């Protein structure tokens, strides 16, 4: 289950980076902000999973 959560977090980070870059290229500030938000959510999920794994040991 841990690997599944980590993979979802990585996918969300990648999606956010792509959306942010697309928004920057298109000059769309809203899309950039959405991309940053998704990337941050992925970062938080990954950190939470790391903490969960550490506490489990």
PDB file of N, CA and C in Angstrom:
ATOM      1  N   UNK A   1       0.832  -1.184   0.000  1.00  0.00           N
ATOM      2  CA  UNK A   1       0.000   0.000   0.000  1.00  0.00           C
ATOM      3  C   UNK A   1       0.877   1.249   0.000  1.00  0.00           C
ATOM      4  N   UNK A   2       1.979   1.207   0.672  1.00  0.00           N
ATOM      5  CA  UNK A   2       2.865   2.353   0.743  1.00  0.00           C
ATOM      6  C   UNK A   2       3.374   2.758  -0.635  1.00  0.00           C
ATOM      7  N   UNK A   3       3.760   1.796  -1.430  1.00  0.00           N
ATOM      8  CA  UNK A   3       4.264   2.081  -2.773  1.00  0.00           C
ATOM      9  C   UNK A   3       3.168   2.700  -3.629  1.00  0.00           C
ATOM     10  N   UNK A   4       1.951   2.257  -3.429  1.00  0.00           N
ATOM     11  CA  UNK A   4       0.822   2.805  -4.187  1.00  0.00           C
ATOM     12  C   UNK A   4       0.607   4.281  -3.855  1.00  0.00           C
ATOM     13  N   UNK A   5       0.667   4.615  -2.572  1.00  0.00           N
ATOM     14  CA  UNK A   5       0.486   6.007  -2.142  1.00  0.00           C
ATOM     15  C   UNK A   5       1.629   6.887  -2.658  1.00  0.00           C
ATOM     16  N   UNK A   6       2.837   6.343  -2.585  1.00  0.00           N
ATOM     17  CA  UNK A   6       4.004   7.093  -3.051  1.00  0.00           C
ATOM     18  C   UNK A   6       3.908   7.331  -4.562  1.00  0.00           C
ATOM     19  N   UNK A   7       3.441   6.347  -5.310  1.00  0.00           N
ATOM     20  CA  UNK A   7       3.285   6.490  -6.753  1.00  0.00           C
ATOM     21  C   UNK A   7       2.231   7.547  -7.084  1.00  0.00           C
ATOM     22  N   UNK A   8       1.149   7.566  -6.330  1.00  0.00           N
ATOM     23  CA  UNK A   8       0.115   8.587  -6.543  1.00  0.00           C
ATOM     24  C   UNK A   8       0.672   9.979  -6.268  1.00  0.00           C
ATOM     25  N   UNK A   9       1.476  10.096  -5.239  1.00  0.00           N
ATOM     26  CA  UNK A   9       2.080  11.386  -4.894  1.00  0.00           C
ATOM     27  C   UNK A   9       3.012  11.847  -6.009  1.00  0.00           C
ATOM     28  N   UNK A  10       3.835  10.928  -6.519  1.00  0.00           N
ATOM     29  CA  UNK A  10       4.758  11.265  -7.608  1.00  0.00           C
ATOM     30  C   UNK A  10       3.989  11.668  -8.864  1.00  0.00           C
ATOM     31  N   UNK A  11       2.900  10.973  -9.154  1.00  0.00           N
ATOM     32  CA  UNK A  11       2.086  11.304 -10.327  1.00  0.00           C
ATOM     33  C   UNK A  11       1.470  12.691 -10.184  1.00  0.00           C
ATOM     34  N   UNK A  12       1.006  13.008  -8.990  1.00  0.00           N
ATOM     35  CA  UNK A  12       0.413  14.317  -8.745  1.00  0.00           C
ATOM     36  C   UNK A  12       1.471  15.422  -8.866  1.00  0.00           C
ATOM     37  N   UNK A  13       2.680  15.145  -8.397  1.00  0.00           N
ATOM     38  CA  UNK A  13       3.761  16.120  -8.522  1.00  0.00           C
ATOM     39  C   UNK A  13       4.085  16.372  -9.995  1.00  0.00           C
ATOM     40  N   UNK A  14       4.172  15.303 -10.770  1.00  0.00           N
ATOM     41  CA  UNK A  14       4.483  15.436 -12.195  1.00  0.00           C
ATOM     42  C   UNK A  14       3.381  16.189 -12.934  1.00  0.00           C
ATOM     43  N   UNK A  15       2.145  15.870 -12.620  1.00  0.00           N
ATOM     44  CA  UNK A  15       1.008  16.557 -13.234  1.00  0.00           C
ATOM     45  C   UNK A  15       1.043  18.042 -12.912  1.00  0.00           C
ATOM     46  N   UNK A  16       1.370  18.363 -11.674  1.00  0.00           N
ATOM     47  CA  UNK A  16       1.456  19.753 -11.250  1.00  0.00           C
ATOM     48  C   UNK A  16       2.572  20.502 -11.958  1.00  0.00           C
ATOM     49  N   UNK A  17       3.742  19.846 -12.089  1.00  0.00           N
ATOM     50  CA  UNK A  17       4.861  20.477 -12.794  1.00  0.00           C
ATOM     51  C   UNK A  17       4.504  20.749 -14.245  1.00  0.00           C
ATOM     52  N   UNK A  18       3.849  19.783 -14.873  1.00  0.00           N
ATOM     53  CA  UNK A  18       3.449  19.936 -16.276  1.00  0.00           C
ATOM     54  C   UNK A  18       2.444  21.070 -16.431  1.00  0.00           C
ATOM     55  N   UNK A  19       1.474  21.108 -15.555  1.00  0.00           N
ATOM     56  CA  UNK A  19       0.444  22.149 -15.620  1.00  0.00           C
ATOM     57  C   UNK A  19       1.058  23.528 -15.377  1.00  0.00           C
ATOM     58  N   UNK A  20       1.975  23.605 -14.433  1.00  0.00           N
ATOM     59  CA  UNK A  20       2.628  24.876 -14.137  1.00  0.00           C
ATOM     60  C   UNK A  20       3.450  25.357 -15.345  1.00  0.00           C
ATOM     61  N   UNK A  21       4.193  24.446 -15.967  1.00  0.00           N
ATOM     62  CA  UNK A  21       5.006  24.809 -17.126  1.00  0.00           C
ATOM     63  C   UNK A  21       4.127  25.226 -18.305  1.00  0.00           C
ATOM     64  N   UNK A  22       3.024  24.524 -18.495  1.00  0.00           N
ATOM     65  CA  UNK A  22       2.100  24.870 -19.576  1.00  0.00           C
ATOM     66  C   UNK A  22       1.499  26.245 -19.332  1.00  0.00           C
ATOM     67  N   UNK A  23       1.118  26.527 -18.118  1.00  0.00           N
ATOM     68  CA  UNK A  23       0.570  27.827 -17.768  1.00  0.00           C
ATOM     69  C   UNK A  23       1.582  28.939 -17.969  1.00  0.00           C
ATOM     70  N   UNK A  24       2.835  28.652 -17.624  1.00  0.00           N
ATOM     71  CA  UNK A  24       3.888  29.648 -17.806  1.00  0.00           C
ATOM     72  C   UNK A  24       4.093  29.930 -19.296  1.00  0.00           C
ATOM     73  N   UNK A  25       4.110  28.875 -20.113  1.00  0.00           N
ATOM     74  CA  UNK A  25       4.312  29.029 -21.552  1.00  0.00           C
ATOM     75  C   UNK A  25       3.152  29.771 -22.211  1.00  0.00           C
ATOM     76  N   UNK A  26       1.952  29.516 -21.719  1.00  0.00           N
ATOM     77  CA  UNK A  26       0.761  30.144 -22.293  1.00  0.00           C
ATOM     78  C   UNK A  26       0.475  31.517 -21.676  1.00  0.00           C
ATOM     79  N   UNK A  27       1.188  31.849 -20.621  1.00  0.00           N
ATOM     80  CA  UNK A  27       0.940  33.117 -19.939  1.00  0.00           C
ATOM     81  C   UNK A  27      -0.330  33.099 -19.101  1.00  0.00           C
ATOM     82  N   UNK A  28      -0.748  31.911 -18.699  1.00  0.00           N
ATOM     83  CA  UNK A  28      -1.974  31.740 -17.928  1.00  0.00           C
ATOM     84  C   UNK A  28      -1.617  31.596 -16.443  1.00  0.00           C
ATOM     85  N   UNK A  29      -1.786  32.674 -15.694  1.00  0.00           N
ATOM     86  CA  UNK A  29      -1.417  32.670 -14.279  1.00  0.00           C
ATOM     87  C   UNK A  29      -2.261  31.697 -13.456  1.00  0.00           C
ATOM     88  N   UNK A  30      -3.515  31.557 -13.826  1.00  0.00           N
ATOM     89  CA  UNK A  30      -4.397  30.651 -13.084  1.00  0.00           C
ATOM     90  C   UNK A  30      -3.916  29.201 -13.221  1.00  0.00           C
ATOM     91  N   UNK A  31      -3.541  28.813 -14.441  1.00  0.00           N
ATOM     92  CA  UNK A  31      -3.052  27.453 -14.654  1.00  0.00           C
ATOM     93  C   UNK A  31      -1.740  27.230 -13.902  1.00  0.00           C
ATOM     94  N   UNK A  32      -0.892  28.252 -13.871  1.00  0.00           N
ATOM     95  CA  UNK A  32       0.352  28.146 -13.116  1.00  0.00           C
ATOM     96  C   UNK A  32       0.055  27.892 -11.640  1.00  0.00           C
ATOM     97  N   UNK A  33      -0.878  28.634 -11.106  1.00  0.00           N
ATOM     98  CA  UNK A  33      -1.237  28.493  -9.687  1.00  0.00           C
ATOM     99  C   UNK A  33      -1.819  27.109  -9.409  1.00  0.00           C
ATOM    100  N   UNK A  34      -2.660  26.623 -10.308  1.00  0.00           N
ATOM    101  CA  UNK A  34      -3.231  25.282 -10.135  1.00  0.00           C
ATOM    102  C   UNK A  34      -2.125  24.235 -10.162  1.00  0.00           C
ATOM    103  N   UNK A  35      -1.171  24.413 -11.051  1.00  0.00           N
ATOM    104  CA  UNK A  35      -0.047  23.481 -11.133  1.00  0.00           C
ATOM    105  C   UNK A  35       0.779  23.475  -9.860  1.00  0.00           C
ATOM    106  N   UNK A  36       1.053  24.667  -9.330  1.00  0.00           N
ATOM    107  CA  UNK A  36       1.810  24.751  -8.072  1.00  0.00           C
ATOM    108  C   UNK A  36       1.048  24.078  -6.943  1.00  0.00           C
ATOM    109  N   UNK A  37      -0.267  24.266  -6.938  1.00  0.00           N
ATOM    110  CA  UNK A  37      -1.097  23.662  -5.891  1.00  0.00           C
ATOM    111  C   UNK A  37      -1.039  22.139  -5.979  1.00  0.00           C
ATOM    112  N   UNK A  38      -1.177  21.598  -7.182  1.00  0.00           N
ATOM    113  CA  UNK A  38      -1.129  20.137  -7.344  1.00  0.00           C
ATOM    114  C   UNK A  38       0.237  19.591  -6.959  1.00  0.00           C
ATOM    115  N   UNK A  39       1.288  20.303  -7.359  1.00  0.00           N
ATOM    116  CA  UNK A  39       2.630  19.863  -7.025  1.00  0.00           C
ATOM    117  C   UNK A  39       2.824  19.853  -5.512  1.00  0.00           C
ATOM    118  N   UNK A  40       2.337  20.871  -4.837  1.00  0.00           N
ATOM    119  CA  UNK A  40       2.447  20.951  -3.385  1.00  0.00           C
ATOM    120  C   UNK A  40       1.659  19.835  -2.707  1.00  0.00           C
ATOM    121  N   UNK A  41       0.468  19.544  -3.226  1.00  0.00           N
ATOM    122  CA  UNK A  41      -0.317  18.429  -2.673  1.00  0.00           C
ATOM    123  C   UNK A  41       0.465  17.129  -2.775  1.00  0.00           C
ATOM    124  N   UNK A  42       1.102  16.908  -3.915  1.00  0.00           N
ATOM    125  CA  UNK A  42       1.914  15.708  -4.099  1.00  0.00           C
ATOM    126  C   UNK A  42       3.068  15.668  -3.121  1.00  0.00           C
ATOM    127  N   UNK A  43       3.707  16.821  -2.906  1.00  0.00           N
ATOM    128  CA  UNK A  43       4.809  16.895  -1.944  1.00  0.00           C
ATOM    129  C   UNK A  43       4.329  16.537  -0.533  1.00  0.00           C
ATOM    130  N   UNK A  44       3.178  17.065  -0.175  1.00  0.00           N
ATOM    131  CA  UNK A  44       2.619  16.790   1.151  1.00  0.00           C
ATOM    132  C   UNK A  44       2.273  15.318   1.296  1.00  0.00           C
ATOM    133  N   UNK A  45       1.656  14.742   0.267  1.00  0.00           N
ATOM    134  CA  UNK A  45       1.323  13.304   0.328  1.00  0.00           C
ATOM    135  C   UNK A  45       2.575  12.448   0.477  1.00  0.00           C
ATOM    136  N   UNK A  46       3.615  12.805  -0.278  1.00  0.00           N
ATOM    137  CA  UNK A  46       4.852  12.034  -0.212  1.00  0.00           C
ATOM    138  C   UNK A  46       5.476  12.138   1.180  1.00  0.00           C
ATOM    139  N   UNK A  47       5.498  13.336   1.741  1.00  0.00           N
ATOM    140  CA  UNK A  47       6.048  13.541   3.075  1.00  0.00           C
ATOM    141  C   UNK A  47       5.239  12.780   4.118  1.00  0.00           C
ATOM    142  N   UNK A  48       3.919  12.827   3.985  1.00  0.00           N
ATOM    143  CA  UNK A  48       3.057  12.103   4.927  1.00  0.00           C
ATOM    144  C   UNK A  48       3.333  10.603   4.851  1.00  0.00           C
ATOM    145  N   UNK A  49       3.525  10.100   3.660  1.00  0.00           N
ATOM    146  CA  UNK A  49       3.810   8.671   3.498  1.00  0.00           C
ATOM    147  C   UNK A  49       5.166   8.326   4.105  1.00  0.00           C
ATOM    148  N   UNK A  50       6.154   9.207   3.939  1.00  0.00           N
ATOM    149  CA  UNK A  50       7.467   8.978   4.541  1.00  0.00           C
ATOM    150  C   UNK A  50       7.369   8.954   6.065  1.00  0.00           C
ATOM    151  N   UNK A  51       6.607   9.875   6.620  1.00  0.00           N
ATOM    152  CA  UNK A  51       6.422   9.923   8.081  1.00  0.00           C
ATOM    153  C   UNK A  51       5.709   8.664   8.553  1.00  0.00           C
ATOM    154  N   UNK A  52       4.663   8.275   7.828  1.00  0.00           N
ATOM    155  CA  UNK A  52       3.909   7.078   8.188  1.00  0.00           C
ATOM    156  C   UNK A  52       4.827   5.846   8.189  1.00  0.00           C
ATOM    157  N   UNK A  53       5.695   5.761   7.162  1.00  0.00           N
ATOM    158  CA  UNK A  53       6.597   4.624   7.055  1.00  0.00           C
ATOM    159  C   UNK A  53       7.620   4.657   8.194  1.00  0.00           C
ATOM    160  N   UNK A  54       8.112   5.854   8.546  1.00  0.00           N
ATOM    161  CA  UNK A  54       9.081   5.987   9.619  1.00  0.00           C
ATOM    162  C   UNK A  54       8.481   5.607  10.965  1.00  0.00           C
ATOM    163  N   UNK A  55       7.254   6.045  11.218  1.00  0.00           N
ATOM    164  CA  UNK A  55       6.609   5.732  12.493  1.00  0.00           C
ATOM    165  C   UNK A  55       6.278   4.248  12.613  1.00  0.00           C
ATOM    166  N   UNK A  56       6.094   3.601  11.479  1.00  0.00           N
ATOM    167  CA  UNK A  56       5.762   2.186  11.475  1.00  0.00           C
ATOM    168  C   UNK A  56       6.943   1.336  11.962  1.00  0.00           C
ATOM    169  N   UNK A  57       8.155   1.811  11.726  1.00  0.00           N
ATOM    170  CA  UNK A  57       9.359   1.054  12.094  1.00  0.00           C
ATOM    171  C   UNK A  57       9.634   1.094  13.554  1.00  0.00           C
TER     172      UNK A  57
END
